[in-house]
Amino acid sequence: MKKNKRNTKAEEIGNRLNFYTYKMPKSRTAKYCLGCYEGSVFIDFNKKNNLIYLERISFDEFGCLNIGNSENTLSKAETNVFEKEIKKINEEIMKPLVLKLIHMNQEKIDTDIFEKYKLLK
């Protein structure tokens, strides 16, 4: 599979996804929104019963996947860490939490996506 420039650049800078926050339009609500891969990937999170879950994830060339599985959540302790660290975008702390939610829902994500966006494996 041919790599695009964004993916190559992300790999060149090591294991960093370079997370950043953004605001969703009112039509696509999410409690927290992270971007990475220099704008090629957007990850939206919501809360149910005070626990964070993966709402949707969008990839360049693959489109938007509505996950919305509020059964696969972070623990209460992990949710507390997530909410504290998302304000600072401490990637060393955020990355394992984000990857945990992605892995919990990997059956809803095409394996081709993980081939292109290897840092999300």
PDB file of N, CA and C in Angstrom:
ATOM      1  N   MET A   1       0.839  -1.181   0.000  1.00  0.00           N
ATOM      2  CA  MET A   1       0.000   0.000   0.000  1.00  0.00           C
ATOM      3  C   MET A   1       0.883   1.243   0.000  1.00  0.00           C
ATOM      4  N   LYS A   2       0.595   2.176  -0.837  1.00  0.00           N
ATOM      5  CA  LYS A   2       1.352   3.411  -0.950  1.00  0.00           C
ATOM      6  C   LYS A   2       1.054   4.314   0.238  1.00  0.00           C
ATOM      7  N   LYS A   3       2.109   4.849   0.842  1.00  0.00           N
ATOM      8  CA  LYS A   3       1.940   5.758   1.975  1.00  0.00           C
ATOM      9  C   LYS A   3       1.711   7.168   1.466  1.00  0.00           C
ATOM     10  N   ASN A   4       0.846   7.894   2.158  1.00  0.00           N
ATOM     11  CA  ASN A   4       0.713   9.303   1.799  1.00  0.00           C
ATOM     12  C   ASN A   4       1.722  10.114   2.609  1.00  0.00           C
ATOM     13  N   LYS A   5       1.911  11.352   2.264  1.00  0.00           N
ATOM     14  CA  LYS A   5       2.913  12.182   2.926  1.00  0.00           C
ATOM     15  C   LYS A   5       2.628  12.348   4.406  1.00  0.00           C
ATOM     16  N   ARG A   6       1.362  12.464   4.767  1.00  0.00           N
ATOM     17  CA  ARG A   6       1.013  12.637   6.183  1.00  0.00           C
ATOM     18  C   ARG A   6       1.441  11.427   6.991  1.00  0.00           C
ATOM     19  N   ASN A   7       1.154  10.233   6.487  1.00  0.00           N
ATOM     20  CA  ASN A   7       1.506   9.016   7.193  1.00  0.00           C
ATOM     21  C   ASN A   7       3.020   8.895   7.313  1.00  0.00           C
ATOM     22  N   THR A   8       3.746   9.160   6.252  1.00  0.00           N
ATOM     23  CA  THR A   8       5.193   9.085   6.267  1.00  0.00           C
ATOM     24  C   THR A   8       5.755  10.059   7.290  1.00  0.00           C
ATOM     25  N   LYS A   9       5.269  11.276   7.302  1.00  0.00           N
ATOM     26  CA  LYS A   9       5.761  12.270   8.245  1.00  0.00           C
ATOM     27  C   LYS A   9       5.483  11.823   9.675  1.00  0.00           C
ATOM     28  N   ALA A  10       4.293  11.266   9.941  1.00  0.00           N
ATOM     29  CA  ALA A  10       3.966  10.805  11.285  1.00  0.00           C
ATOM     30  C   ALA A  10       4.938   9.723  11.733  1.00  0.00           C
ATOM     31  N   GLU A  11       5.298   8.814  10.822  1.00  0.00           N
ATOM     32  CA  GLU A  11       6.230   7.766  11.173  1.00  0.00           C
ATOM     33  C   GLU A  11       7.638   8.312  11.374  1.00  0.00           C
ATOM     34  N   GLU A  12       8.010   9.337  10.624  1.00  0.00           N
ATOM     35  CA  GLU A  12       9.342   9.913  10.745  1.00  0.00           C
ATOM     36  C   GLU A  12       9.563  10.561  12.099  1.00  0.00           C
ATOM     37  N   ILE A  13       8.506  11.020  12.734  1.00  0.00           N
ATOM     38  CA  ILE A  13       8.674  11.674  14.018  1.00  0.00           C
ATOM     39  C   ILE A  13       8.522  10.675  15.167  1.00  0.00           C
ATOM     40  N   GLY A  14       8.588   9.404  14.867  1.00  0.00           N
ATOM     41  CA  GLY A  14       8.588   8.366  15.894  1.00  0.00           C
ATOM     42  C   GLY A  14       7.196   7.863  16.207  1.00  0.00           C
ATOM     43  N   ASN A  15       6.976   7.584  17.455  1.00  0.00           N
ATOM     44  CA  ASN A  15       5.704   7.014  17.885  1.00  0.00           C
ATOM     45  C   ASN A  15       4.713   8.081  18.336  1.00  0.00           C
ATOM     46  N   ARG A  16       4.856   9.272  17.873  1.00  0.00           N
ATOM     47  CA  ARG A  16       3.957  10.357  18.267  1.00  0.00           C
ATOM     48  C   ARG A  16       2.827  10.515  17.267  1.00  0.00           C
ATOM     49  N   LEU A  17       1.635  10.671  17.800  1.00  0.00           N
ATOM     50  CA  LEU A  17       0.462  10.909  16.964  1.00  0.00           C
ATOM     51  C   LEU A  17       0.170  12.402  16.843  1.00  0.00           C
ATOM     52  N   ASN A  18       0.810  13.220  17.670  1.00  0.00           N
ATOM     53  CA  ASN A  18       0.605  14.671  17.674  1.00  0.00           C
ATOM     54  C   ASN A  18      -0.874  15.024  17.821  1.00  0.00           C
ATOM     55  N   PHE A  19      -1.472  14.559  18.911  1.00  0.00           N
ATOM     56  CA  PHE A  19      -2.868  14.858  19.205  1.00  0.00           C
ATOM     57  C   PHE A  19      -3.117  16.353  19.326  1.00  0.00           C
ATOM     58  N   TYR A  20      -4.305  16.757  18.952  1.00  0.00           N
ATOM     59  CA  TYR A  20      -4.773  18.116  19.200  1.00  0.00           C
ATOM     60  C   TYR A  20      -6.288  18.046  19.367  1.00  0.00           C
ATOM     61  N   THR A  21      -6.851  19.007  20.080  1.00  0.00           N
ATOM     62  CA  THR A  21      -8.304  19.028  20.277  1.00  0.00           C
ATOM     63  C   THR A  21      -8.951  19.909  19.221  1.00  0.00           C
ATOM     64  N   TYR A  22     -10.229  19.671  18.989  1.00  0.00           N
ATOM     65  CA  TYR A  22     -11.014  20.481  18.059  1.00  0.00           C
ATOM     66  C   TYR A  22     -12.467  20.427  18.496  1.00  0.00           C
ATOM     67  N   LYS A  23     -13.271  21.324  17.986  1.00  0.00           N
ATOM     68  CA  LYS A  23     -14.696  21.359  18.303  1.00  0.00           C
ATOM     69  C   LYS A  23     -15.491  20.796  17.138  1.00  0.00           C
ATOM     70  N   MET A  24     -16.463  19.969  17.483  1.00  0.00           N
ATOM     71  CA  MET A  24     -17.345  19.379  16.480  1.00  0.00           C
ATOM     72  C   MET A  24     -18.491  20.330  16.170  1.00  0.00           C
ATOM     73  N   PRO A  25     -19.036  20.248  14.962  1.00  0.00           N
ATOM     74  CA  PRO A  25     -20.250  21.011  14.678  1.00  0.00           C
ATOM     75  C   PRO A  25     -21.403  20.459  15.524  1.00  0.00           C
ATOM     76  N   LYS A  26     -22.408  21.256  15.745  1.00  0.00           N
ATOM     77  CA  LYS A  26     -23.539  20.838  16.580  1.00  0.00           C
ATOM     78  C   LYS A  26     -24.236  19.595  16.040  1.00  0.00           C
ATOM     79  N   SER A  27     -24.125  19.346  14.742  1.00  0.00           N
ATOM     80  CA  SER A  27     -24.775  18.180  14.144  1.00  0.00           C
ATOM     81  C   SER A  27     -24.080  16.859  14.516  1.00  0.00           C
ATOM     82  N   ARG A  28     -22.850  16.927  14.973  1.00  0.00           N
ATOM     83  CA  ARG A  28     -22.089  15.732  15.373  1.00  0.00           C
ATOM     84  C   ARG A  28     -21.551  15.947  16.777  1.00  0.00           C
ATOM     85  N   THR A  29     -22.377  15.668  17.738  1.00  0.00           N
ATOM     86  CA  THR A  29     -21.997  15.946  19.115  1.00  0.00           C
ATOM     87  C   THR A  29     -20.999  14.926  19.646  1.00  0.00           C
ATOM     88  N   ALA A  30     -20.083  15.418  20.435  1.00  0.00           N
ATOM     89  CA  ALA A  30     -19.117  14.590  21.139  1.00  0.00           C
ATOM     90  C   ALA A  30     -18.599  15.405  22.313  1.00  0.00           C
ATOM     91  N   LYS A  31     -18.364  14.742  23.407  1.00  0.00           N
ATOM     92  CA  LYS A  31     -17.850  15.415  24.607  1.00  0.00           C
ATOM     93  C   LYS A  31     -16.412  15.870  24.393  1.00  0.00           C
ATOM     94  N   TYR A  32     -15.615  15.000  23.788  1.00  0.00           N
ATOM     95  CA  TYR A  32     -14.207  15.310  23.533  1.00  0.00           C
ATOM     96  C   TYR A  32     -13.846  14.892  22.114  1.00  0.00           C
ATOM     97  N   CYS A  33     -12.999  15.685  21.472  1.00  0.00           N
ATOM     98  CA  CYS A  33     -12.590  15.415  20.092  1.00  0.00           C
ATOM     99  C   CYS A  33     -11.080  15.593  19.967  1.00  0.00           C
ATOM    100  N   LEU A  34     -10.429  14.581  19.414  1.00  0.00           N
ATOM    101  CA  LEU A  34      -8.994  14.639  19.170  1.00  0.00           C
ATOM    102  C   LEU A  34      -8.718  14.444  17.692  1.00  0.00           C
ATOM    103  N   GLY A  35      -7.765  15.171  17.195  1.00  0.00           N
ATOM    104  CA  GLY A  35      -7.254  14.957  15.857  1.00  0.00           C
ATOM    105  C   GLY A  35      -5.831  14.435  15.972  1.00  0.00           C
ATOM    106  N   CYS A  36      -5.375  13.727  14.937  1.00  0.00           N
ATOM    107  CA  CYS A  36      -3.990  13.271  14.893  1.00  0.00           C
ATOM    108  C   CYS A  36      -3.619  12.972  13.440  1.00  0.00           C
ATOM    109  N   TYR A  37      -2.425  12.465  13.238  1.00  0.00           N
ATOM    110  CA  TYR A  37      -1.910  12.236  11.876  1.00  0.00           C
ATOM    111  C   TYR A  37      -2.082  13.495  11.031  1.00  0.00           C
ATOM    112  N   GLU A  38      -1.745  14.622  11.640  1.00  0.00           N
ATOM    113  CA  GLU A  38      -1.782  15.919  10.951  1.00  0.00           C
ATOM    114  C   GLU A  38      -3.113  16.185  10.247  1.00  0.00           C
ATOM    115  N   GLY A  39      -4.210  15.846  10.920  1.00  0.00           N
ATOM    116  CA  GLY A  39      -5.535  16.119  10.380  1.00  0.00           C
ATOM    117  C   GLY A  39      -6.121  15.015   9.528  1.00  0.00           C
ATOM    118  N   SER A  40      -5.448  13.885   9.437  1.00  0.00           N
ATOM    119  CA  SER A  40      -5.975  12.764   8.653  1.00  0.00           C
ATOM    120  C   SER A  40      -6.902  11.861   9.458  1.00  0.00           C
ATOM    121  N   VAL A  41      -6.836  11.960  10.788  1.00  0.00           N
ATOM    122  CA  VAL A  41      -7.656  11.121  11.660  1.00  0.00           C
ATOM    123  C   VAL A  41      -8.312  12.004  12.717  1.00  0.00           C
ATOM    124  N   PHE A  42      -9.616  11.786  12.920  1.00  0.00           N
ATOM    125  CA  PHE A  42     -10.367  12.481  13.960  1.00  0.00           C
ATOM    126  C   PHE A  42     -11.053  11.438  14.826  1.00  0.00           C
ATOM    127  N   ILE A  43     -10.933  11.613  16.145  1.00  0.00           N
ATOM    128  CA  ILE A  43     -11.470  10.630  17.087  1.00  0.00           C
ATOM    129  C   ILE A  43     -12.380  11.365  18.063  1.00  0.00           C
ATOM    130  N   ASP A  44     -13.627  10.902  18.165  1.00  0.00           N
ATOM    131  CA  ASP A  44     -14.622  11.546  19.019  1.00  0.00           C
ATOM    132  C   ASP A  44     -15.006  10.620  20.164  1.00  0.00           C
ATOM    133  N   PHE A  45     -15.124  11.208  21.339  1.00  0.00           N
ATOM    134  CA  PHE A  45     -15.437  10.461  22.556  1.00  0.00           C
ATOM    135  C   PHE A  45     -16.669  11.050  23.226  1.00  0.00           C
ATOM    136  N   ASN A  46     -17.433  10.206  23.881  1.00  0.00           N
ATOM    137  CA  ASN A  46     -18.568  10.643  24.682  1.00  0.00           C
ATOM    138  C   ASN A  46     -18.490   9.983  26.036  1.00  0.00           C
ATOM    139  N   LYS A  47     -19.450  10.340  26.897  1.00  0.00           N
ATOM    140  CA  LYS A  47     -19.514   9.764  28.241  1.00  0.00           C
ATOM    141  C   LYS A  47     -20.893   9.168  28.481  1.00  0.00           C
ATOM    142  N   LYS A  48     -20.894   8.028  29.145  1.00  0.00           N
ATOM    143  CA  LYS A  48     -22.132   7.429  29.621  1.00  0.00           C
ATOM    144  C   LYS A  48     -21.825   6.860  30.999  1.00  0.00           C
ATOM    145  N   ASN A  49     -22.692   7.145  31.952  1.00  0.00           N
ATOM    146  CA  ASN A  49     -22.458   6.719  33.344  1.00  0.00           C
ATOM    147  C   ASN A  49     -21.095   7.188  33.843  1.00  0.00           C
ATOM    148  N   ASN A  50     -20.711   8.391  33.407  1.00  0.00           N
ATOM    149  CA  ASN A  50     -19.451   9.028  33.798  1.00  0.00           C
ATOM    150  C   ASN A  50     -18.205   8.278  33.327  1.00  0.00           C
ATOM    151  N   LEU A  51     -18.341   7.485  32.264  1.00  0.00           N
ATOM    152  CA  LEU A  51     -17.204   6.763  31.703  1.00  0.00           C
ATOM    153  C   LEU A  51     -17.042   7.108  30.227  1.00  0.00           C
ATOM    154  N   ILE A  52     -15.812   7.279  29.794  1.00  0.00           N
ATOM    155  CA  ILE A  52     -15.498   7.660  28.413  1.00  0.00           C
ATOM    156  C   ILE A  52     -15.599   6.436  27.498  1.00  0.00           C
ATOM    157  N   TYR A  53     -16.215   6.652  26.315  1.00  0.00           N
ATOM    158  CA  TYR A  53     -16.248   5.615  25.277  1.00  0.00           C
ATOM    159  C   TYR A  53     -16.001   6.255  23.912  1.00  0.00           C
ATOM    160  N   LEU A  54     -15.654   5.421  22.946  1.00  0.00           N
ATOM    161  CA  LEU A  54     -15.372   5.867  21.581  1.00  0.00           C
ATOM    162  C   LEU A  54     -16.690   6.030  20.832  1.00  0.00           C
ATOM    163  N   GLU A  55     -16.967   7.247  20.392  1.00  0.00           N
ATOM    164  CA  GLU A  55     -18.205   7.535  19.654  1.00  0.00           C
ATOM    165  C   GLU A  55     -18.029   7.292  18.155  1.00  0.00           C
ATOM    166  N   ARG A  56     -16.969   7.871  17.596  1.00  0.00           N
ATOM    167  CA  ARG A  56     -16.712   7.714  16.157  1.00  0.00           C
ATOM    168  C   ARG A  56     -15.247   7.999  15.885  1.00  0.00           C
ATOM    169  N   ILE A  57     -14.805   7.493  14.746  1.00  0.00           N
ATOM    170  CA  ILE A  57     -13.436   7.741  14.310  1.00  0.00           C
ATOM    171  C   ILE A  57     -13.472   7.909  12.792  1.00  0.00           C
ATOM    172  N   SER A  58     -12.769   8.902  12.304  1.00  0.00           N
ATOM    173  CA  SER A  58     -12.795   9.229  10.889  1.00  0.00           C
ATOM    174  C   SER A  58     -11.374   9.225  10.337  1.00  0.00           C
ATOM    175  N   PHE A  59     -11.208   8.596   9.178  1.00  0.00           N
ATOM    176  CA  PHE A  59      -9.896   8.454   8.549  1.00  0.00           C
ATOM    177  C   PHE A  59      -9.949   8.983   7.123  1.00  0.00           C
ATOM    178  N   ASP A  60      -8.927   9.748   6.725  1.00  0.00           N
ATOM    179  CA  ASP A  60      -8.801  10.107   5.311  1.00  0.00           C
ATOM    180  C   ASP A  60      -8.777   8.824   4.493  1.00  0.00           C
ATOM    181  N   GLU A  61      -9.463   8.825   3.378  1.00  0.00           N
ATOM    182  CA  GLU A  61      -9.571   7.722   2.418  1.00  0.00           C
ATOM    183  C   GLU A  61     -10.481   6.583   2.876  1.00  0.00           C
ATOM    184  N   PHE A  62     -10.897   6.567   4.158  1.00  0.00           N
ATOM    185  CA  PHE A  62     -11.753   5.487   4.648  1.00  0.00           C
ATOM    186  C   PHE A  62     -13.100   5.996   5.159  1.00  0.00           C
ATOM    187  N   GLY A  63     -13.204   7.275   5.421  1.00  0.00           N
ATOM    188  CA  GLY A  63     -14.458   7.846   5.881  1.00  0.00           C
ATOM    189  C   GLY A  63     -14.656   7.748   7.389  1.00  0.00           C
ATOM    190  N   CYS A  64     -15.872   8.036   7.791  1.00  0.00           N
ATOM    191  CA  CYS A  64     -16.236   8.105   9.197  1.00  0.00           C
ATOM    192  C   CYS A  64     -16.907   6.803   9.644  1.00  0.00           C
ATOM    193  N   LEU A  65     -16.447   6.278  10.765  1.00  0.00           N
ATOM    194  CA  LEU A  65     -17.034   5.076  11.347  1.00  0.00           C
ATOM    195  C   LEU A  65     -17.735   5.457  12.644  1.00  0.00           C
ATOM    196  N   ASN A  66     -19.029   5.283  12.687  1.00  0.00           N
ATOM    197  CA  ASN A  66     -19.782   5.532  13.911  1.00  0.00           C
ATOM    198  C   ASN A  66     -19.689   4.290  14.775  1.00  0.00           C
ATOM    199  N   ILE A  67     -18.932   4.388  15.839  1.00  0.00           N
ATOM    200  CA  ILE A  67     -18.721   3.253  16.734  1.00  0.00           C
ATOM    201  C   ILE A  67     -19.852   3.218  17.766  1.00  0.00           C
ATOM    202  N   GLY A  68     -19.970   4.294  18.533  1.00  0.00           N
ATOM    203  CA  GLY A  68     -21.069   4.467  19.482  1.00  0.00           C
ATOM    204  C   GLY A  68     -21.307   3.309  20.422  1.00  0.00           C
ATOM    205  N   ASN A  69     -20.253   2.594  20.812  1.00  0.00           N
ATOM    206  CA  ASN A  69     -20.409   1.453  21.710  1.00  0.00           C
ATOM    207  C   ASN A  69     -20.133   1.900  23.135  1.00  0.00           C
ATOM    208  N   SER A  70     -21.188   2.296  23.831  1.00  0.00           N
ATOM    209  CA  SER A  70     -21.027   2.801  25.188  1.00  0.00           C
ATOM    210  C   SER A  70     -20.799   1.690  26.204  1.00  0.00           C
ATOM    211  N   GLU A  71     -20.738   0.445  25.746  1.00  0.00           N
ATOM    212  CA  GLU A  71     -20.415  -0.674  26.638  1.00  0.00           C
ATOM    213  C   GLU A  71     -18.903  -0.813  26.811  1.00  0.00           C
ATOM    214  N   ASN A  72     -18.144  -0.418  25.796  1.00  0.00           N
ATOM    215  CA  ASN A  72     -16.676  -0.476  25.855  1.00  0.00           C
ATOM    216  C   ASN A  72     -16.159   0.865  26.344  1.00  0.00           C
ATOM    217  N   THR A  73     -15.904   0.951  27.628  1.00  0.00           N
ATOM    218  CA  THR A  73     -15.504   2.224  28.228  1.00  0.00           C
ATOM    219  C   THR A  73     -14.161   2.106  28.937  1.00  0.00           C
ATOM    220  N   LEU A  74     -13.605   3.262  29.202  1.00  0.00           N
ATOM    221  CA  LEU A  74     -12.473   3.325  30.114  1.00  0.00           C
ATOM    222  C   LEU A  74     -12.997   3.107  31.527  1.00  0.00           C
ATOM    223  N   SER A  75     -12.136   2.690  32.423  1.00  0.00           N
ATOM    224  CA  SER A  75     -12.522   2.559  33.831  1.00  0.00           C
ATOM    225  C   SER A  75     -12.728   3.967  34.409  1.00  0.00           C
ATOM    226  N   LYS A  76     -13.253   4.033  35.600  1.00  0.00           N
ATOM    227  CA  LYS A  76     -13.451   5.335  36.260  1.00  0.00           C
ATOM    228  C   LYS A  76     -12.104   6.039  36.444  1.00  0.00           C
ATOM    229  N   ALA A  77     -11.111   5.296  36.901  1.00  0.00           N
ATOM    230  CA  ALA A  77      -9.784   5.898  37.092  1.00  0.00           C
ATOM    231  C   ALA A  77      -9.211   6.382  35.759  1.00  0.00           C
ATOM    232  N   GLU A  78      -9.343   5.571  34.714  1.00  0.00           N
ATOM    233  CA  GLU A  78      -8.848   5.964  33.390  1.00  0.00           C
ATOM    234  C   GLU A  78      -9.615   7.165  32.849  1.00  0.00           C
ATOM    235  N   THR A  79     -10.921   7.201  33.077  1.00  0.00           N
ATOM    236  CA  THR A  79     -11.733   8.340  32.650  1.00  0.00           C
ATOM    237  C   THR A  79     -11.255   9.614  33.337  1.00  0.00           C
ATOM    238  N   ASN A  80     -10.956   9.534  34.616  1.00  0.00           N
ATOM    239  CA  ASN A  80     -10.457  10.706  35.342  1.00  0.00           C
ATOM    240  C   ASN A  80      -9.139  11.194  34.763  1.00  0.00           C
ATOM    241  N   VAL A  81      -8.247  10.265  34.447  1.00  0.00           N
ATOM    242  CA  VAL A  81      -6.962  10.626  33.839  1.00  0.00           C
ATOM    243  C   VAL A  81      -7.203  11.247  32.464  1.00  0.00           C
ATOM    244  N   PHE A  82      -8.053  10.623  31.648  1.00  0.00           N
ATOM    245  CA  PHE A  82      -8.367  11.119  30.304  1.00  0.00           C
ATOM    246  C   PHE A  82      -8.851  12.566  30.375  1.00  0.00           C
ATOM    247  N   GLU A  83      -9.812  12.827  31.254  1.00  0.00           N
ATOM    248  CA  GLU A  83     -10.392  14.173  31.331  1.00  0.00           C
ATOM    249  C   GLU A  83      -9.394  15.205  31.845  1.00  0.00           C
ATOM    250  N   LYS A  84      -8.487  14.798  32.679  1.00  0.00           N
ATOM    251  CA  LYS A  84      -7.448  15.710  33.168  1.00  0.00           C
ATOM    252  C   LYS A  84      -6.423  15.993  32.073  1.00  0.00           C
ATOM    253  N   GLU A  85      -5.995  14.937  31.394  1.00  0.00           N
ATOM    254  CA  GLU A  85      -4.902  15.067  30.435  1.00  0.00           C
ATOM    255  C   GLU A  85      -5.330  15.623  29.079  1.00  0.00           C
ATOM    256  N   ILE A  86      -6.597  15.507  28.724  1.00  0.00           N
ATOM    257  CA  ILE A  86      -7.024  16.025  27.419  1.00  0.00           C
ATOM    258  C   ILE A  86      -6.886  17.548  27.373  1.00  0.00           C
ATOM    259  N   LYS A  87      -6.925  18.179  28.515  1.00  0.00           N
ATOM    260  CA  LYS A  87      -6.745  19.635  28.569  1.00  0.00           C
ATOM    261  C   LYS A  87      -5.313  20.024  28.233  1.00  0.00           C
ATOM    262  N   LYS A  88      -4.370  19.140  28.563  1.00  0.00           N
ATOM    263  CA  LYS A  88      -2.948  19.410  28.332  1.00  0.00           C
ATOM    264  C   LYS A  88      -2.413  18.690  27.105  1.00  0.00           C
ATOM    265  N   ILE A  89      -3.155  17.698  26.624  1.00  0.00           N
ATOM    266  CA  ILE A  89      -2.734  16.827  25.521  1.00  0.00           C
ATOM    267  C   ILE A  89      -1.354  16.237  25.810  1.00  0.00           C
ATOM    268  N   ASN A  90      -1.232  15.605  26.951  1.00  0.00           N
ATOM    269  CA  ASN A  90      -0.021  14.870  27.274  1.00  0.00           C
ATOM    270  C   ASN A  90      -0.098  13.537  26.539  1.00  0.00           C
ATOM    271  N   GLU A  91       0.563  13.451  25.404  1.00  0.00           N
ATOM    272  CA  GLU A  91       0.421  12.283  24.536  1.00  0.00           C
ATOM    273  C   GLU A  91       0.914  10.992  25.180  1.00  0.00           C
ATOM    274  N   GLU A  92       1.938  11.072  26.012  1.00  0.00           N
ATOM    275  CA  GLU A  92       2.436   9.863  26.665  1.00  0.00           C
ATOM    276  C   GLU A  92       1.366   9.228  27.541  1.00  0.00           C
ATOM    277  N   ILE A  93       0.505  10.024  28.106  1.00  0.00           N
ATOM    278  CA  ILE A  93      -0.567   9.518  28.956  1.00  0.00           C
ATOM    279  C   ILE A  93      -1.827   9.250  28.137  1.00  0.00           C
ATOM    280  N   MET A  94      -2.125  10.102  27.167  1.00  0.00           N
ATOM    281  CA  MET A  94      -3.354   9.967  26.379  1.00  0.00           C
ATOM    282  C   MET A  94      -3.305   8.791  25.394  1.00  0.00           C
ATOM    283  N   LYS A  95      -2.171   8.570  24.771  1.00  0.00           N
ATOM    284  CA  LYS A  95      -2.084   7.552  23.713  1.00  0.00           C
ATOM    285  C   LYS A  95      -2.544   6.166  24.190  1.00  0.00           C
ATOM    286  N   PRO A  96      -2.070   5.663  25.337  1.00  0.00           N
ATOM    287  CA  PRO A  96      -2.541   4.335  25.758  1.00  0.00           C
ATOM    288  C   PRO A  96      -4.048   4.283  26.011  1.00  0.00           C
ATOM    289  N   LEU A  97      -4.634   5.370  26.483  1.00  0.00           N
ATOM    290  CA  LEU A  97      -6.076   5.397  26.732  1.00  0.00           C
ATOM    291  C   LEU A  97      -6.856   5.387  25.422  1.00  0.00           C
ATOM    292  N   VAL A  98      -6.399   6.187  24.463  1.00  0.00           N
ATOM    293  CA  VAL A  98      -7.043   6.233  23.152  1.00  0.00           C
ATOM    294  C   VAL A  98      -6.912   4.879  22.453  1.00  0.00           C
ATOM    295  N   LEU A  99      -5.717   4.308  22.490  1.00  0.00           N
ATOM    296  CA  LEU A  99      -5.502   3.009  21.850  1.00  0.00           C
ATOM    297  C   LEU A  99      -6.331   1.911  22.509  1.00  0.00           C
ATOM    298  N   LYS A 100      -6.507   1.991  23.808  1.00  0.00           N
ATOM    299  CA  LYS A 100      -7.333   0.999  24.498  1.00  0.00           C
ATOM    300  C   LYS A 100      -8.757   1.016  23.947  1.00  0.00           C
ATOM    301  N   LEU A 101      -9.319   2.222  23.781  1.00  0.00           N
ATOM    302  CA  LEU A 101     -10.678   2.325  23.248  1.00  0.00           C
ATOM    303  C   LEU A 101     -10.746   1.852  21.797  1.00  0.00           C
ATOM    304  N   ILE A 102      -9.741   2.173  21.012  1.00  0.00           N
ATOM    305  CA  ILE A 102      -9.714   1.711  19.623  1.00  0.00           C
ATOM    306  C   ILE A 102      -9.644   0.184  19.590  1.00  0.00           C
ATOM    307  N   HIS A 103      -8.781  -0.402  20.400  1.00  0.00           N
ATOM    308  CA  HIS A 103      -8.635  -1.861  20.420  1.00  0.00           C
ATOM    309  C   HIS A 103      -9.903  -2.552  20.912  1.00  0.00           C
ATOM    310  N   MET A 104     -10.589  -1.938  21.856  1.00  0.00           N
ATOM    311  CA  MET A 104     -11.834  -2.514  22.363  1.00  0.00           C
ATOM    312  C   MET A 104     -12.904  -2.582  21.267  1.00  0.00           C
ATOM    313  N   ASN A 105     -12.757  -1.740  20.253  1.00  0.00           N
ATOM    314  CA  ASN A 105     -13.740  -1.655  19.169  1.00  0.00           C
ATOM    315  C   ASN A 105     -13.163  -2.056  17.817  1.00  0.00           C
ATOM    316  N   GLN A 106     -12.042  -2.753  17.808  1.00  0.00           N
ATOM    317  CA  GLN A 106     -11.342  -3.034  16.548  1.00  0.00           C
ATOM    318  C   GLN A 106     -12.155  -3.882  15.581  1.00  0.00           C
ATOM    319  N   GLU A 107     -13.138  -4.633  16.072  1.00  0.00           N
ATOM    320  CA  GLU A 107     -13.960  -5.436  15.155  1.00  0.00           C
ATOM    321  C   GLU A 107     -14.815  -4.547  14.252  1.00  0.00           C
ATOM    322  N   LYS A 108     -14.973  -3.287  14.614  1.00  0.00           N
ATOM    323  CA  LYS A 108     -15.751  -2.352  13.796  1.00  0.00           C
ATOM    324  C   LYS A 108     -14.868  -1.523  12.870  1.00  0.00           C
ATOM    325  N   ILE A 109     -13.553  -1.774  12.912  1.00  0.00           N
ATOM    326  CA  ILE A 109     -12.602  -0.989  12.131  1.00  0.00           C
ATOM    327  C   ILE A 109     -11.886  -1.913  11.153  1.00  0.00           C
ATOM    328  N   ASP A 110     -11.960  -1.602   9.878  1.00  0.00           N
ATOM    329  CA  ASP A 110     -11.348  -2.409   8.813  1.00  0.00           C
ATOM    330  C   ASP A 110      -9.840  -2.530   9.038  1.00  0.00           C
ATOM    331  N   THR A 111      -9.300  -3.721   8.839  1.00  0.00           N
ATOM    332  CA  THR A 111      -7.871  -3.944   9.048  1.00  0.00           C
ATOM    333  C   THR A 111      -7.004  -3.119   8.096  1.00  0.00           C
ATOM    334  N   ASP A 112      -7.524  -2.753   6.925  1.00  0.00           N
ATOM    335  CA  ASP A 112      -6.773  -1.893   6.003  1.00  0.00           C
ATOM    336  C   ASP A 112      -6.439  -0.549   6.645  1.00  0.00           C
ATOM    337  N   ILE A 113      -7.309  -0.097   7.506  1.00  0.00           N
ATOM    338  CA  ILE A 113      -7.074   1.182   8.190  1.00  0.00           C
ATOM    339  C   ILE A 113      -5.837   1.080   9.065  1.00  0.00           C
ATOM    340  N   PHE A 114      -5.697  -0.034   9.783  1.00  0.00           N
ATOM    341  CA  PHE A 114      -4.529  -0.194  10.650  1.00  0.00           C
ATOM    342  C   PHE A 114      -3.247  -0.363   9.858  1.00  0.00           C
ATOM    343  N   GLU A 115      -3.349  -0.826   8.621  1.00  0.00           N
ATOM    344  CA  GLU A 115      -2.168  -0.922   7.767  1.00  0.00           C
ATOM    345  C   GLU A 115      -1.669   0.472   7.389  1.00  0.00           C
ATOM    346  N   LYS A 116      -2.582   1.371   7.143  1.00  0.00           N
ATOM    347  CA  LYS A 116      -2.197   2.726   6.759  1.00  0.00           C
ATOM    348  C   LYS A 116      -1.803   3.555   7.985  1.00  0.00           C
ATOM    349  N   TYR A 117      -2.578   3.441   9.030  1.00  0.00           N
ATOM    350  CA  TYR A 117      -2.358   4.236  10.244  1.00  0.00           C
ATOM    351  C   TYR A 117      -1.780   3.325  11.329  1.00  0.00           C
ATOM    352  N   LYS A 118      -0.537   2.927  11.135  1.00  0.00           N
ATOM    353  CA  LYS A 118       0.113   1.927  11.971  1.00  0.00           C
ATOM    354  C   LYS A 118       0.235   2.334  13.429  1.00  0.00           C
ATOM    355  N   LEU A 119       0.348   3.608  13.710  1.00  0.00           N
ATOM    356  CA  LEU A 119       0.508   4.051  15.088  1.00  0.00           C
ATOM    357  C   LEU A 119      -0.774   3.859  15.900  1.00  0.00           C
ATOM    358  N   LEU A 120      -1.870   3.524  15.256  1.00  0.00           N
ATOM    359  CA  LEU A 120      -3.128   3.278  15.962  1.00  0.00           C
ATOM    360  C   LEU A 120      -3.343   1.799  16.260  1.00  0.00           C
ATOM    361  N   LYS A 121      -2.401   0.955  15.876  1.00  0.00           N
ATOM    362  CA  LYS A 121      -2.515  -0.494  16.134  1.00  0.00           C
ATOM    363  C   LYS A 121      -2.407  -0.783  17.599  1.00  0.00           C
TER     364      LYS A 121
END
